[in-house]
Amino acid sequence: MKAIWNGVVVAESDDIVIVEGNHYFPKASLKSEYTTFSNHRSSCVWKGQAYYLSLFVNGEMNPDSVWYYPEPVESAAEIKDRVAFKAGVSIVD
């Protein structure tokens, strides 16, 4: 599968975990040259604290569009070291 934003593949892998309708890619599959830091955080009762990255592709910024759980709670261990994408980032086969 591929995650595509602004015409560019920002992540690609066949090792996908789907949780709550979100496709979690291995963090290593995320092309870091298209990401930039974000201070945004959120919290989920059953997954833990989410950290975010922004995408910067072809001169355009998509703020807080990538999220990950660096230390998910035990019930969400399957998404450790994985990233997911907000609406607007296309997930295709």
N, C-alpha and C. Protein backbone atom coordinates (compact mmCIF):
# COMPACT_ATOMS: atom_id res chain seq x y z
N MET A 1 0.84 -1.18 0.00
CA MET A 1 0.00 0.00 0.00
C MET A 1 0.88 1.24 0.00
N LYS A 2 0.28 2.32 -0.47
CA LYS A 2 0.99 3.59 -0.53
C LYS A 2 0.17 4.68 0.15
N ALA A 3 0.87 5.59 0.81
CA ALA A 3 0.26 6.81 1.32
C ALA A 3 0.75 7.93 0.41
N ILE A 4 -0.19 8.65 -0.19
CA ILE A 4 0.16 9.67 -1.17
C ILE A 4 -0.45 11.01 -0.76
N TRP A 5 0.39 12.04 -0.79
CA TRP A 5 -0.11 13.39 -0.57
C TRP A 5 0.57 14.35 -1.53
N ASN A 6 -0.22 15.21 -2.11
CA ASN A 6 0.26 16.22 -3.05
C ASN A 6 1.04 15.60 -4.20
N GLY A 7 0.57 14.42 -4.64
CA GLY A 7 1.16 13.76 -5.79
C GLY A 7 2.43 12.96 -5.51
N VAL A 8 2.80 12.83 -4.25
CA VAL A 8 4.05 12.15 -3.89
C VAL A 8 3.77 11.00 -2.92
N VAL A 9 4.42 9.87 -3.15
CA VAL A 9 4.33 8.74 -2.21
C VAL A 9 5.16 9.09 -0.99
N VAL A 10 4.51 9.21 0.17
CA VAL A 10 5.21 9.57 1.40
C VAL A 10 5.50 8.35 2.28
N ALA A 11 4.83 7.24 1.99
CA ALA A 11 5.10 5.97 2.68
C ALA A 11 4.62 4.84 1.79
N GLU A 12 5.31 3.69 1.89
CA GLU A 12 4.92 2.53 1.09
C GLU A 12 5.32 1.25 1.81
N SER A 13 4.37 0.32 1.93
CA SER A 13 4.65 -0.96 2.60
C SER A 13 3.51 -1.93 2.34
N ASP A 14 3.83 -3.23 2.41
CA ASP A 14 2.81 -4.28 2.37
C ASP A 14 2.46 -4.74 3.78
N ASP A 15 3.18 -4.23 4.78
CA ASP A 15 2.99 -4.59 6.18
C ASP A 15 2.12 -3.53 6.86
N ILE A 16 0.81 -3.66 6.70
CA ILE A 16 -0.14 -2.66 7.20
C ILE A 16 -0.98 -3.25 8.32
N VAL A 17 -1.19 -2.46 9.36
CA VAL A 17 -2.09 -2.82 10.45
C VAL A 17 -3.24 -1.82 10.41
N ILE A 18 -4.47 -2.31 10.41
CA ILE A 18 -5.63 -1.41 10.37
C ILE A 18 -6.28 -1.39 11.75
N VAL A 19 -6.40 -0.18 12.31
CA VAL A 19 -7.02 0.02 13.62
C VAL A 19 -7.98 1.19 13.48
N GLU A 20 -9.23 0.96 13.84
CA GLU A 20 -10.27 1.98 13.77
C GLU A 20 -10.34 2.63 12.38
N GLY A 21 -10.14 1.83 11.34
CA GLY A 21 -10.22 2.32 9.97
C GLY A 21 -8.99 3.05 9.47
N ASN A 22 -7.97 3.19 10.32
CA ASN A 22 -6.73 3.85 9.92
C ASN A 22 -5.67 2.82 9.56
N HIS A 23 -4.97 3.08 8.48
CA HIS A 23 -3.91 2.20 8.01
C HIS A 23 -2.59 2.63 8.65
N TYR A 24 -2.03 1.77 9.47
CA TYR A 24 -0.76 2.06 10.13
C TYR A 24 0.38 1.40 9.36
N PHE A 25 1.28 2.23 8.87
CA PHE A 25 2.45 1.80 8.11
C PHE A 25 3.63 1.67 9.08
N PRO A 26 4.60 0.81 8.79
CA PRO A 26 5.82 0.80 9.60
C PRO A 26 6.45 2.19 9.55
N LYS A 27 6.90 2.68 10.71
CA LYS A 27 7.50 4.02 10.74
C LYS A 27 8.68 4.12 9.78
N ALA A 28 9.41 3.02 9.62
CA ALA A 28 10.57 3.03 8.72
C ALA A 28 10.17 3.24 7.26
N SER A 29 8.89 3.01 6.91
CA SER A 29 8.46 3.19 5.52
C SER A 29 8.13 4.65 5.20
N LEU A 30 8.03 5.49 6.24
CA LEU A 30 7.73 6.90 6.05
C LEU A 30 8.97 7.61 5.50
N LYS A 31 8.81 8.31 4.41
CA LYS A 31 9.94 9.01 3.78
C LYS A 31 10.19 10.32 4.53
N SER A 32 11.21 10.29 5.36
CA SER A 32 11.48 11.41 6.27
C SER A 32 11.78 12.72 5.55
N GLU A 33 12.19 12.65 4.30
CA GLU A 33 12.46 13.90 3.59
C GLU A 33 11.19 14.71 3.35
N TYR A 34 10.02 14.11 3.57
CA TYR A 34 8.75 14.82 3.39
C TYR A 34 8.08 15.17 4.71
N THR A 35 8.76 14.94 5.83
CA THR A 35 8.15 15.23 7.12
C THR A 35 8.88 16.35 7.83
N THR A 36 8.16 17.01 8.70
CA THR A 36 8.73 18.05 9.53
C THR A 36 8.08 17.98 10.91
N PHE A 37 8.75 18.55 11.88
CA PHE A 37 8.33 18.49 13.28
C PHE A 37 6.98 19.13 13.51
N SER A 38 6.26 18.61 14.48
CA SER A 38 5.01 19.21 14.95
C SER A 38 5.00 19.12 16.48
N ASN A 39 4.51 20.15 17.13
CA ASN A 39 4.36 20.15 18.59
C ASN A 39 3.04 19.51 19.02
N HIS A 40 2.18 19.21 18.06
CA HIS A 40 0.84 18.72 18.39
C HIS A 40 0.89 17.35 19.06
N ARG A 41 0.05 17.17 20.08
CA ARG A 41 -0.10 15.89 20.77
C ARG A 41 -1.59 15.67 21.01
N SER A 42 -1.97 14.42 21.12
CA SER A 42 -3.34 14.09 21.53
C SER A 42 -3.27 12.82 22.37
N SER A 43 -4.37 12.52 23.01
CA SER A 43 -4.38 11.37 23.91
C SER A 43 -5.59 10.50 23.63
N CYS A 44 -5.37 9.20 23.67
CA CYS A 44 -6.44 8.22 23.49
C CYS A 44 -6.41 7.28 24.70
N VAL A 45 -7.57 7.03 25.27
CA VAL A 45 -7.65 6.20 26.47
C VAL A 45 -7.04 4.83 26.25
N TRP A 46 -7.30 4.20 25.10
CA TRP A 46 -6.82 2.82 24.93
C TRP A 46 -5.55 2.70 24.10
N LYS A 47 -5.07 3.80 23.51
CA LYS A 47 -3.82 3.74 22.72
C LYS A 47 -2.67 4.51 23.37
N GLY A 48 -2.96 5.53 24.12
CA GLY A 48 -1.92 6.33 24.76
C GLY A 48 -1.79 7.70 24.13
N GLN A 49 -0.60 8.31 24.26
CA GLN A 49 -0.37 9.65 23.73
C GLN A 49 0.17 9.57 22.31
N ALA A 50 -0.50 10.31 21.42
CA ALA A 50 -0.08 10.37 20.02
C ALA A 50 0.79 11.60 19.79
N TYR A 51 1.82 11.40 19.01
CA TYR A 51 2.70 12.48 18.56
C TYR A 51 2.44 12.66 17.07
N TYR A 52 2.71 13.86 16.58
CA TYR A 52 2.39 14.18 15.19
C TYR A 52 3.61 14.70 14.43
N LEU A 53 3.55 14.55 13.14
CA LEU A 53 4.49 15.15 12.20
C LEU A 53 3.66 15.86 11.15
N SER A 54 4.23 16.83 10.50
CA SER A 54 3.57 17.49 9.37
C SER A 54 4.25 17.03 8.09
N LEU A 55 3.50 17.04 7.00
CA LEU A 55 4.07 16.73 5.70
C LEU A 55 4.39 18.03 4.97
N PHE A 56 5.52 18.04 4.29
CA PHE A 56 5.92 19.18 3.47
C PHE A 56 6.36 18.63 2.12
N VAL A 57 5.51 18.82 1.11
CA VAL A 57 5.73 18.23 -0.21
C VAL A 57 5.50 19.29 -1.29
N ASN A 58 6.43 19.40 -2.21
CA ASN A 58 6.31 20.34 -3.33
C ASN A 58 5.95 21.75 -2.87
N GLY A 59 6.57 22.18 -1.77
CA GLY A 59 6.35 23.53 -1.27
C GLY A 59 5.07 23.75 -0.50
N GLU A 60 4.30 22.68 -0.25
CA GLU A 60 3.04 22.81 0.49
C GLU A 60 3.11 22.03 1.79
N MET A 61 2.53 22.63 2.85
CA MET A 61 2.52 22.03 4.18
C MET A 61 1.15 21.42 4.48
N ASN A 62 1.15 20.23 5.05
CA ASN A 62 -0.06 19.57 5.54
C ASN A 62 0.18 19.35 7.03
N PRO A 63 -0.25 20.32 7.87
CA PRO A 63 0.10 20.25 9.29
C PRO A 63 -0.53 19.07 10.02
N ASP A 64 0.26 18.50 10.92
CA ASP A 64 -0.21 17.44 11.82
C ASP A 64 -0.89 16.29 11.08
N SER A 65 -0.39 15.93 9.93
CA SER A 65 -1.06 14.95 9.07
C SER A 65 -0.59 13.51 9.29
N VAL A 66 0.45 13.33 10.07
CA VAL A 66 0.98 12.00 10.38
C VAL A 66 0.97 11.84 11.89
N TRP A 67 0.48 10.71 12.38
CA TRP A 67 0.56 10.51 13.83
C TRP A 67 1.11 9.13 14.15
N TYR A 68 1.63 9.03 15.36
CA TYR A 68 2.21 7.77 15.84
C TYR A 68 2.19 7.75 17.36
N TYR A 69 2.25 6.56 17.90
CA TYR A 69 2.25 6.34 19.34
C TYR A 69 3.61 5.74 19.71
N PRO A 70 4.56 6.54 20.18
CA PRO A 70 5.89 6.00 20.48
C PRO A 70 5.88 4.96 21.60
N GLU A 71 4.95 5.10 22.53
CA GLU A 71 4.84 4.15 23.63
C GLU A 71 3.36 3.86 23.88
N PRO A 72 2.72 3.11 22.97
CA PRO A 72 1.29 2.84 23.16
C PRO A 72 1.06 1.97 24.39
N VAL A 73 -0.14 2.07 24.93
CA VAL A 73 -0.49 1.20 26.04
C VAL A 73 -0.56 -0.24 25.52
N GLU A 74 -0.54 -1.19 26.44
CA GLU A 74 -0.44 -2.61 26.06
C GLU A 74 -1.52 -3.05 25.08
N SER A 75 -2.73 -2.53 25.24
CA SER A 75 -3.83 -2.94 24.36
C SER A 75 -3.62 -2.50 22.91
N ALA A 76 -2.70 -1.57 22.68
CA ALA A 76 -2.44 -1.08 21.33
C ALA A 76 -1.01 -1.38 20.87
N ALA A 77 -0.41 -2.39 21.44
CA ALA A 77 0.99 -2.72 21.14
C ALA A 77 1.24 -2.95 19.65
N GLU A 78 0.23 -3.38 18.91
CA GLU A 78 0.40 -3.66 17.48
C GLU A 78 0.72 -2.42 16.64
N ILE A 79 0.50 -1.22 17.20
CA ILE A 79 0.79 -0.01 16.42
C ILE A 79 2.09 0.67 16.85
N LYS A 80 2.84 0.06 17.74
CA LYS A 80 4.14 0.61 18.12
C LYS A 80 5.04 0.64 16.89
N ASP A 81 5.77 1.72 16.73
CA ASP A 81 6.68 1.92 15.58
C ASP A 81 5.94 1.97 14.25
N ARG A 82 4.70 2.50 14.28
CA ARG A 82 3.90 2.64 13.07
C ARG A 82 3.33 4.04 12.99
N VAL A 83 3.03 4.47 11.77
CA VAL A 83 2.45 5.80 11.55
C VAL A 83 1.14 5.66 10.77
N ALA A 84 0.24 6.60 11.02
CA ALA A 84 -1.02 6.67 10.28
C ALA A 84 -1.18 8.10 9.76
N PHE A 85 -2.15 8.29 8.89
CA PHE A 85 -2.31 9.56 8.20
C PHE A 85 -3.74 10.08 8.30
N LYS A 86 -3.87 11.40 8.38
CA LYS A 86 -5.22 11.99 8.46
C LYS A 86 -5.86 12.04 7.08
N ALA A 87 -7.15 12.34 7.10
CA ALA A 87 -7.89 12.49 5.85
C ALA A 87 -7.18 13.51 4.96
N GLY A 88 -7.17 13.23 3.68
CA GLY A 88 -6.47 14.09 2.73
C GLY A 88 -5.23 13.42 2.20
N VAL A 89 -4.69 12.49 2.98
CA VAL A 89 -3.58 11.65 2.52
C VAL A 89 -4.24 10.40 1.96
N SER A 90 -4.06 10.12 0.69
CA SER A 90 -4.69 8.97 0.04
C SER A 90 -3.94 7.69 0.37
N ILE A 91 -4.70 6.66 0.73
CA ILE A 91 -4.14 5.33 0.96
C ILE A 91 -4.63 4.45 -0.19
N VAL A 92 -3.68 3.96 -1.00
CA VAL A 92 -4.04 3.18 -2.19
C VAL A 92 -3.21 1.89 -2.25
N ASP A 93 -3.76 0.90 -2.97
CA ASP A 93 -3.01 -0.37 -3.18
C ASP A 93 -1.93 -0.19 -4.21
